[in-house]
Amino acid sequence: MTTWDDISFVVRNKNRKRVFNILEKPKTPTQISKELQLNIGYVSNIIIELLKRKLIKCLSPNEKRHRFYKITPKGQNVLKGVREIG
């Protein structure tokens, strides 16, 4: 998929865009949920979608709880595009 496909994927859902933007710094799903005031299940679904596209990665995959996620280098390129278009 091209970067534009990924940019479109991120921006076509406002909460996906919010979660993606907040992951510039490592965060857990619980932190994201509290900070953005979103349901934890909804945040988890968004994280799964972003992981499938390799826009974010898990920094602590061996942990069962308190996993940290952060934007990947591919995700950084997409983030630049997302910010360019607003």
PDB file of N, CA and C in Angstrom:
ATOM      1  N   MET A   1       0.825  -1.195   0.000  1.00  0.00           N
ATOM      2  CA  MET A   1       0.000   0.000   0.000  1.00  0.00           C
ATOM      3  C   MET A   1       0.866   1.254   0.000  1.00  0.00           C
ATOM      4  N   THR A   2       0.390   2.250  -0.644  1.00  0.00           N
ATOM      5  CA  THR A   2       1.136   3.493  -0.697  1.00  0.00           C
ATOM      6  C   THR A   2       0.915   4.303   0.572  1.00  0.00           C
ATOM      7  N   THR A   3       1.749   5.266   0.782  1.00  0.00           N
ATOM      8  CA  THR A   3       1.591   6.158   1.927  1.00  0.00           C
ATOM      9  C   THR A   3       0.248   6.871   1.871  1.00  0.00           C
ATOM     10  N   TRP A   4      -0.204   7.250   0.675  1.00  0.00           N
ATOM     11  CA  TRP A   4      -1.488   7.952   0.557  1.00  0.00           C
ATOM     12  C   TRP A   4      -2.647   7.073   0.978  1.00  0.00           C
ATOM     13  N   ASP A   5      -2.537   5.766   0.712  1.00  0.00           N
ATOM     14  CA  ASP A   5      -3.572   4.847   1.192  1.00  0.00           C
ATOM     15  C   ASP A   5      -3.600   4.842   2.714  1.00  0.00           C
ATOM     16  N   ASP A   6      -2.425   4.851   3.316  1.00  0.00           N
ATOM     17  CA  ASP A   6      -2.337   4.854   4.772  1.00  0.00           C
ATOM     18  C   ASP A   6      -2.802   6.183   5.363  1.00  0.00           C
ATOM     19  N   ILE A   7      -2.462   7.274   4.708  1.00  0.00           N
ATOM     20  CA  ILE A   7      -2.920   8.591   5.171  1.00  0.00           C
ATOM     21  C   ILE A   7      -4.439   8.641   5.129  1.00  0.00           C
ATOM     22  N   SER A   8      -5.010   8.177   4.039  1.00  0.00           N
ATOM     23  CA  SER A   8      -6.465   8.142   3.912  1.00  0.00           C
ATOM     24  C   SER A   8      -7.087   7.273   5.004  1.00  0.00           C
ATOM     25  N   PHE A   9      -6.488   6.129   5.273  1.00  0.00           N
ATOM     26  CA  PHE A   9      -6.976   5.226   6.321  1.00  0.00           C
ATOM     27  C   PHE A   9      -7.009   5.918   7.676  1.00  0.00           C
ATOM     28  N   VAL A  10      -5.957   6.656   7.989  1.00  0.00           N
ATOM     29  CA  VAL A  10      -5.873   7.331   9.283  1.00  0.00           C
ATOM     30  C   VAL A  10      -6.888   8.465   9.386  1.00  0.00           C
ATOM     31  N   VAL A  11      -6.980   9.298   8.376  1.00  0.00           N
ATOM     32  CA  VAL A  11      -7.808  10.507   8.493  1.00  0.00           C
ATOM     33  C   VAL A  11      -9.304  10.268   8.312  1.00  0.00           C
ATOM     34  N   ARG A  12      -9.692   9.128   7.765  1.00  0.00           N
ATOM     35  CA  ARG A  12     -11.130   8.940   7.541  1.00  0.00           C
ATOM     36  C   ARG A  12     -11.904   8.553   8.801  1.00  0.00           C
ATOM     37  N   ASN A  13     -11.208   8.422   9.918  1.00  0.00           N
ATOM     38  CA  ASN A  13     -11.869   8.186  11.196  1.00  0.00           C
ATOM     39  C   ASN A  13     -11.218   9.106  12.218  1.00  0.00           C
ATOM     40  N   LYS A  14     -11.994  10.040  12.775  1.00  0.00           N
ATOM     41  CA  LYS A  14     -11.403  11.062  13.647  1.00  0.00           C
ATOM     42  C   LYS A  14     -10.747  10.464  14.889  1.00  0.00           C
ATOM     43  N   ASN A  15     -11.313   9.403  15.451  1.00  0.00           N
ATOM     44  CA  ASN A  15     -10.711   8.817  16.647  1.00  0.00           C
ATOM     45  C   ASN A  15      -9.461   8.017  16.312  1.00  0.00           C
ATOM     46  N   ARG A  16      -9.437   7.383  15.127  1.00  0.00           N
ATOM     47  CA  ARG A  16      -8.220   6.698  14.692  1.00  0.00           C
ATOM     48  C   ARG A  16      -7.096   7.718  14.540  1.00  0.00           C
ATOM     49  N   LYS A  17      -7.438   8.864  13.967  1.00  0.00           N
ATOM     50  CA  LYS A  17      -6.452   9.936  13.794  1.00  0.00           C
ATOM     51  C   LYS A  17      -5.957  10.430  15.151  1.00  0.00           C
ATOM     52  N   ARG A  18      -6.853  10.582  16.108  1.00  0.00           N
ATOM     53  CA  ARG A  18      -6.472  11.048  17.445  1.00  0.00           C
ATOM     54  C   ARG A  18      -5.538  10.046  18.126  1.00  0.00           C
ATOM     55  N   VAL A  19      -5.880   8.759  18.042  1.00  0.00           N
ATOM     56  CA  VAL A  19      -5.031   7.715  18.654  1.00  0.00           C
ATOM     57  C   VAL A  19      -3.676   7.692  17.971  1.00  0.00           C
ATOM     58  N   PHE A  20      -3.669   7.746  16.644  1.00  0.00           N
ATOM     59  CA  PHE A  20      -2.416   7.721  15.892  1.00  0.00           C
ATOM     60  C   PHE A  20      -1.523   8.892  16.284  1.00  0.00           C
ATOM     61  N   ASN A  21      -2.088  10.082  16.355  1.00  0.00           N
ATOM     62  CA  ASN A  21      -1.316  11.276  16.712  1.00  0.00           C
ATOM     63  C   ASN A  21      -0.704  11.180  18.105  1.00  0.00           C
ATOM     64  N   ILE A  22      -1.426  10.603  19.034  1.00  0.00           N
ATOM     65  CA  ILE A  22      -0.968  10.551  20.420  1.00  0.00           C
ATOM     66  C   ILE A  22       0.175   9.543  20.606  1.00  0.00           C
ATOM     67  N   LEU A  23       0.336   8.647  19.631  1.00  0.00           N
ATOM     68  CA  LEU A  23       1.363   7.606  19.756  1.00  0.00           C
ATOM     69  C   LEU A  23       2.732   8.046  19.259  1.00  0.00           C
ATOM     70  N   GLU A  24       2.910   9.329  19.089  1.00  0.00           N
ATOM     71  CA  GLU A  24       4.245   9.833  18.761  1.00  0.00           C
ATOM     72  C   GLU A  24       5.186   9.549  19.942  1.00  0.00           C
ATOM     73  N   LYS A  25       4.626   9.539  21.145  1.00  0.00           N
ATOM     74  CA  LYS A  25       5.353   9.129  22.348  1.00  0.00           C
ATOM     75  C   LYS A  25       4.752   7.809  22.822  1.00  0.00           C
ATOM     76  N   PRO A  26       5.567   6.901  23.363  1.00  0.00           N
ATOM     77  CA  PRO A  26       5.048   5.598  23.805  1.00  0.00           C
ATOM     78  C   PRO A  26       3.930   5.736  24.837  1.00  0.00           C
ATOM     79  N   LYS A  27       2.876   4.969  24.619  1.00  0.00           N
ATOM     80  CA  LYS A  27       1.731   4.979  25.529  1.00  0.00           C
ATOM     81  C   LYS A  27       1.109   3.589  25.586  1.00  0.00           C
ATOM     82  N   THR A  28       0.410   3.310  26.681  1.00  0.00           N
ATOM     83  CA  THR A  28      -0.372   2.084  26.807  1.00  0.00           C
ATOM     84  C   THR A  28      -1.798   2.377  26.345  1.00  0.00           C
ATOM     85  N   PRO A  29      -2.552   1.338  25.996  1.00  0.00           N
ATOM     86  CA  PRO A  29      -3.955   1.557  25.631  1.00  0.00           C
ATOM     87  C   PRO A  29      -4.747   2.259  26.742  1.00  0.00           C
ATOM     88  N   THR A  30      -4.458   1.928  27.985  1.00  0.00           N
ATOM     89  CA  THR A  30      -5.149   2.563  29.102  1.00  0.00           C
ATOM     90  C   THR A  30      -4.843   4.058  29.157  1.00  0.00           C
ATOM     91  N   GLN A  31      -3.589   4.424  28.959  1.00  0.00           N
ATOM     92  CA  GLN A  31      -3.220   5.839  28.941  1.00  0.00           C
ATOM     93  C   GLN A  31      -3.940   6.571  27.805  1.00  0.00           C
ATOM     94  N   ILE A  32      -3.984   5.940  26.641  1.00  0.00           N
ATOM     95  CA  ILE A  32      -4.656   6.542  25.486  1.00  0.00           C
ATOM     96  C   ILE A  32      -6.139   6.724  25.786  1.00  0.00           C
ATOM     97  N   SER A  33      -6.742   5.676  26.319  1.00  0.00           N
ATOM     98  CA  SER A  33      -8.167   5.701  26.651  1.00  0.00           C
ATOM     99  C   SER A  33      -8.505   6.839  27.604  1.00  0.00           C
ATOM    100  N   LYS A  34      -7.697   6.988  28.635  1.00  0.00           N
ATOM    101  CA  LYS A  34      -7.945   8.046  29.624  1.00  0.00           C
ATOM    102  C   LYS A  34      -7.693   9.433  29.031  1.00  0.00           C
ATOM    103  N   GLU A  35      -6.607   9.566  28.311  1.00  0.00           N
ATOM    104  CA  GLU A  35      -6.241  10.863  27.760  1.00  0.00           C
ATOM    105  C   GLU A  35      -7.243  11.366  26.720  1.00  0.00           C
ATOM    106  N   LEU A  36      -7.740  10.454  25.890  1.00  0.00           N
ATOM    107  CA  LEU A  36      -8.666  10.841  24.824  1.00  0.00           C
ATOM    108  C   LEU A  36     -10.132  10.635  25.208  1.00  0.00           C
ATOM    109  N   GLN A  37     -10.343  10.078  26.385  1.00  0.00           N
ATOM    110  CA  GLN A  37     -11.691   9.792  26.881  1.00  0.00           C
ATOM    111  C   GLN A  37     -12.461   8.913  25.901  1.00  0.00           C
ATOM    112  N   LEU A  38     -11.809   7.800  25.516  1.00  0.00           N
ATOM    113  CA  LEU A  38     -12.408   6.804  24.626  1.00  0.00           C
ATOM    114  C   LEU A  38     -12.487   5.473  25.353  1.00  0.00           C
ATOM    115  N   ASN A  39     -13.453   4.655  24.979  1.00  0.00           N
ATOM    116  CA  ASN A  39     -13.605   3.318  25.528  1.00  0.00           C
ATOM    117  C   ASN A  39     -12.350   2.493  25.237  1.00  0.00           C
ATOM    118  N   ILE A  40     -11.874   1.742  26.225  1.00  0.00           N
ATOM    119  CA  ILE A  40     -10.642   0.961  26.078  1.00  0.00           C
ATOM    120  C   ILE A  40     -10.769  -0.077  24.960  1.00  0.00           C
ATOM    121  N   GLY A  41     -11.940  -0.674  24.799  1.00  0.00           N
ATOM    122  CA  GLY A  41     -12.149  -1.644  23.722  1.00  0.00           C
ATOM    123  C   GLY A  41     -12.017  -1.003  22.348  1.00  0.00           C
ATOM    124  N   TYR A  42     -12.534   0.202  22.230  1.00  0.00           N
ATOM    125  CA  TYR A  42     -12.438   0.948  20.975  1.00  0.00           C
ATOM    126  C   TYR A  42     -10.974   1.278  20.674  1.00  0.00           C
ATOM    127  N   VAL A  43     -10.251   1.706  21.683  1.00  0.00           N
ATOM    128  CA  VAL A  43      -8.821   2.013  21.529  1.00  0.00           C
ATOM    129  C   VAL A  43      -8.067   0.757  21.104  1.00  0.00           C
ATOM    130  N   SER A  44      -8.372  -0.365  21.724  1.00  0.00           N
ATOM    131  CA  SER A  44      -7.704  -1.627  21.375  1.00  0.00           C
ATOM    132  C   SER A  44      -7.952  -2.000  19.923  1.00  0.00           C
ATOM    133  N   ASN A  45      -9.179  -1.818  19.444  1.00  0.00           N
ATOM    134  CA  ASN A  45      -9.487  -2.111  18.037  1.00  0.00           C
ATOM    135  C   ASN A  45      -8.699  -1.209  17.092  1.00  0.00           C
ATOM    136  N   ILE A  46      -8.574   0.049  17.440  1.00  0.00           N
ATOM    137  CA  ILE A  46      -7.799   0.983  16.622  1.00  0.00           C
ATOM    138  C   ILE A  46      -6.331   0.567  16.604  1.00  0.00           C
ATOM    139  N   ILE A  47      -5.806   0.184  17.750  1.00  0.00           N
ATOM    140  CA  ILE A  47      -4.409  -0.263  17.838  1.00  0.00           C
ATOM    141  C   ILE A  47      -4.182  -1.473  16.931  1.00  0.00           C
ATOM    142  N   ILE A  48      -5.103  -2.420  16.947  1.00  0.00           N
ATOM    143  CA  ILE A  48      -4.980  -3.609  16.090  1.00  0.00           C
ATOM    144  C   ILE A  48      -4.935  -3.205  14.615  1.00  0.00           C
ATOM    145  N   GLU A  49      -5.807  -2.286  14.217  1.00  0.00           N
ATOM    146  CA  GLU A  49      -5.823  -1.813  12.826  1.00  0.00           C
ATOM    147  C   GLU A  49      -4.502  -1.158  12.445  1.00  0.00           C
ATOM    148  N   LEU A  50      -3.977  -0.319  13.336  1.00  0.00           N
ATOM    149  CA  LEU A  50      -2.718   0.383  13.056  1.00  0.00           C
ATOM    150  C   LEU A  50      -1.538  -0.588  13.025  1.00  0.00           C
ATOM    151  N   LEU A  51      -1.573  -1.605  13.874  1.00  0.00           N
ATOM    152  CA  LEU A  51      -0.522  -2.629  13.877  1.00  0.00           C
ATOM    153  C   LEU A  51      -0.517  -3.403  12.557  1.00  0.00           C
ATOM    154  N   LYS A  52      -1.696  -3.753  12.060  1.00  0.00           N
ATOM    155  CA  LYS A  52      -1.798  -4.515  10.803  1.00  0.00           C
ATOM    156  C   LYS A  52      -1.174  -3.754   9.645  1.00  0.00           C
ATOM    157  N   ARG A  53      -1.279  -2.454   9.668  1.00  0.00           N
ATOM    158  CA  ARG A  53      -0.704  -1.621   8.604  1.00  0.00           C
ATOM    159  C   ARG A  53       0.748  -1.229   8.878  1.00  0.00           C
ATOM    160  N   LYS A  54       1.271  -1.710  10.015  1.00  0.00           N
ATOM    161  CA  LYS A  54       2.658  -1.438  10.421  1.00  0.00           C
ATOM    162  C   LYS A  54       2.923   0.053  10.610  1.00  0.00           C
ATOM    163  N   LEU A  55       1.892   0.777  11.054  1.00  0.00           N
ATOM    164  CA  LEU A  55       2.036   2.203  11.337  1.00  0.00           C
ATOM    165  C   LEU A  55       2.485   2.436  12.774  1.00  0.00           C
ATOM    166  N   ILE A  56       2.243   1.449  13.633  1.00  0.00           N
ATOM    167  CA  ILE A  56       2.716   1.492  15.010  1.00  0.00           C
ATOM    168  C   ILE A  56       3.324   0.133  15.342  1.00  0.00           C
ATOM    169  N   LYS A  57       4.072   0.090  16.445  1.00  0.00           N
ATOM    170  CA  LYS A  57       4.632  -1.186  16.892  1.00  0.00           C
ATOM    171  C   LYS A  57       4.508  -1.266  18.408  1.00  0.00           C
ATOM    172  N   CYS A  58       4.510  -2.496  18.892  1.00  0.00           N
ATOM    173  CA  CYS A  58       4.482  -2.734  20.331  1.00  0.00           C
ATOM    174  C   CYS A  58       5.923  -2.760  20.828  1.00  0.00           C
ATOM    175  N   LEU A  59       6.208  -1.947  21.826  1.00  0.00           N
ATOM    176  CA  LEU A  59       7.564  -1.866  22.374  1.00  0.00           C
ATOM    177  C   LEU A  59       7.811  -2.912  23.454  1.00  0.00           C
ATOM    178  N   SER A  60       6.739  -3.508  23.976  1.00  0.00           N
ATOM    179  CA  SER A  60       6.866  -4.489  25.052  1.00  0.00           C
ATOM    180  C   SER A  60       5.992  -5.718  24.759  1.00  0.00           C
ATOM    181  N   PRO A  61       6.263  -6.420  23.649  1.00  0.00           N
ATOM    182  CA  PRO A  61       5.386  -7.522  23.225  1.00  0.00           C
ATOM    183  C   PRO A  61       5.341  -8.712  24.174  1.00  0.00           C
ATOM    184  N   ASN A  62       6.323  -8.874  25.026  1.00  0.00           N
ATOM    185  CA  ASN A  62       6.346 -10.013  25.948  1.00  0.00           C
ATOM    186  C   ASN A  62       5.510  -9.774  27.200  1.00  0.00           C
ATOM    187  N   GLU A  63       5.034  -8.576  27.371  1.00  0.00           N
ATOM    188  CA  GLU A  63       4.192  -8.251  28.523  1.00  0.00           C
ATOM    189  C   GLU A  63       2.737  -8.576  28.208  1.00  0.00           C
ATOM    190  N   LYS A  64       2.043  -9.121  29.187  1.00  0.00           N
ATOM    191  CA  LYS A  64       0.615  -9.398  29.000  1.00  0.00           C
ATOM    192  C   LYS A  64      -0.208  -8.144  29.262  1.00  0.00           C
ATOM    193  N   ARG A  65       0.274  -7.286  30.138  1.00  0.00           N
ATOM    194  CA  ARG A  65      -0.416  -6.046  30.483  1.00  0.00           C
ATOM    195  C   ARG A  65       0.571  -4.896  30.373  1.00  0.00           C
ATOM    196  N   HIS A  66       0.048  -3.721  30.265  1.00  0.00           N
ATOM    197  CA  HIS A  66       0.869  -2.506  30.181  1.00  0.00           C
ATOM    198  C   HIS A  66       1.825  -2.542  28.993  1.00  0.00           C
ATOM    199  N   ARG A  67       1.298  -2.943  27.847  1.00  0.00           N
ATOM    200  CA  ARG A  67       2.100  -2.903  26.622  1.00  0.00           C
ATOM    201  C   ARG A  67       2.161  -1.466  26.119  1.00  0.00           C
ATOM    202  N   PHE A  68       3.342  -1.073  25.702  1.00  0.00           N
ATOM    203  CA  PHE A  68       3.546   0.270  25.168  1.00  0.00           C
ATOM    204  C   PHE A  68       3.599   0.214  23.651  1.00  0.00           C
ATOM    205  N   TYR A  69       2.979   1.194  23.011  1.00  0.00           N
ATOM    206  CA  TYR A  69       2.937   1.291  21.553  1.00  0.00           C
ATOM    207  C   TYR A  69       3.486   2.632  21.119  1.00  0.00           C
ATOM    208  N   LYS A  70       4.096   2.622  19.934  1.00  0.00           N
ATOM    209  CA  LYS A  70       4.675   3.851  19.389  1.00  0.00           C
ATOM    210  C   LYS A  70       4.641   3.785  17.866  1.00  0.00           C
ATOM    211  N   ILE A  71       4.626   4.943  17.232  1.00  0.00           N
ATOM    212  CA  ILE A  71       4.637   5.043  15.773  1.00  0.00           C
ATOM    213  C   ILE A  71       5.952   4.495  15.216  1.00  0.00           C
ATOM    214  N   THR A  72       5.864   3.756  14.117  1.00  0.00           N
ATOM    215  CA  THR A  72       7.036   3.203  13.422  1.00  0.00           C
ATOM    216  C   THR A  72       7.621   4.260  12.473  1.00  0.00           C
ATOM    217  N   PRO A  73       8.793   3.991  11.891  1.00  0.00           N
ATOM    218  CA  PRO A  73       9.311   4.913  10.874  1.00  0.00           C
ATOM    219  C   PRO A  73       8.328   5.096   9.703  1.00  0.00           C
ATOM    220  N   LYS A  74       7.672   4.018   9.270  1.00  0.00           N
ATOM    221  CA  LYS A  74       6.643   4.135   8.230  1.00  0.00           C
ATOM    222  C   LYS A  74       5.516   5.040   8.730  1.00  0.00           C
ATOM    223  N   GLY A  75       5.139   4.856   9.985  1.00  0.00           N
ATOM    224  CA  GLY A  75       4.096   5.673  10.589  1.00  0.00           C
ATOM    225  C   GLY A  75       4.486   7.138  10.670  1.00  0.00           C
ATOM    226  N   GLN A  76       5.763   7.406  10.890  1.00  0.00           N
ATOM    227  CA  GLN A  76       6.238   8.798  10.941  1.00  0.00           C
ATOM    228  C   GLN A  76       6.006   9.493   9.598  1.00  0.00           C
ATOM    229  N   ASN A  77       6.254   8.771   8.498  1.00  0.00           N
ATOM    230  CA  ASN A  77       6.004   9.341   7.164  1.00  0.00           C
ATOM    231  C   ASN A  77       4.524   9.616   6.963  1.00  0.00           C
ATOM    232  N   VAL A  78       3.696   8.697   7.425  1.00  0.00           N
ATOM    233  CA  VAL A  78       2.247   8.885   7.315  1.00  0.00           C
ATOM    234  C   VAL A  78       1.817  10.055   8.187  1.00  0.00           C
ATOM    235  N   LEU A  79       2.384  10.161   9.381  1.00  0.00           N
ATOM    236  CA  LEU A  79       2.039  11.267  10.295  1.00  0.00           C
ATOM    237  C   LEU A  79       2.348  12.622   9.656  1.00  0.00           C
ATOM    238  N   LYS A  80       3.465  12.712   8.958  1.00  0.00           N
ATOM    239  CA  LYS A  80       3.803  13.952   8.254  1.00  0.00           C
ATOM    240  C   LYS A  80       2.723  14.295   7.228  1.00  0.00           C
ATOM    241  N   GLY A  81       2.278  13.289   6.482  1.00  0.00           N
ATOM    242  CA  GLY A  81       1.232  13.511   5.502  1.00  0.00           C
ATOM    243  C   GLY A  81      -0.086  13.896   6.128  1.00  0.00           C
ATOM    244  N   VAL A  82      -0.420  13.260   7.246  1.00  0.00           N
ATOM    245  CA  VAL A  82      -1.657  13.573   7.960  1.00  0.00           C
ATOM    246  C   VAL A  82      -1.632  15.017   8.421  1.00  0.00           C
ATOM    247  N   ARG A  83      -0.494  15.466   8.924  1.00  0.00           N
ATOM    248  CA  ARG A  83      -0.375  16.842   9.404  1.00  0.00           C
ATOM    249  C   ARG A  83      -0.383  17.850   8.256  1.00  0.00           C
ATOM    250  N   GLU A  84       0.146  17.470   7.102  1.00  0.00           N
ATOM    251  CA  GLU A  84       0.130  18.361   5.944  1.00  0.00           C
ATOM    252  C   GLU A  84      -1.275  18.674   5.469  1.00  0.00           C
ATOM    253  N   ILE A  85      -2.140  17.660   5.490  1.00  0.00           N
ATOM    254  CA  ILE A  85      -3.494  17.869   4.994  1.00  0.00           C
ATOM    255  C   ILE A  85      -4.450  18.346   6.074  1.00  0.00           C
ATOM    256  N   GLY A  86      -3.983  18.363   7.305  1.00  0.00           N
ATOM    257  CA  GLY A  86      -4.791  18.896   8.394  1.00  0.00           C
ATOM    258  C   GLY A  86      -5.514  17.839   9.073  1.00  0.00           C
TER     259      GLY A  86
END
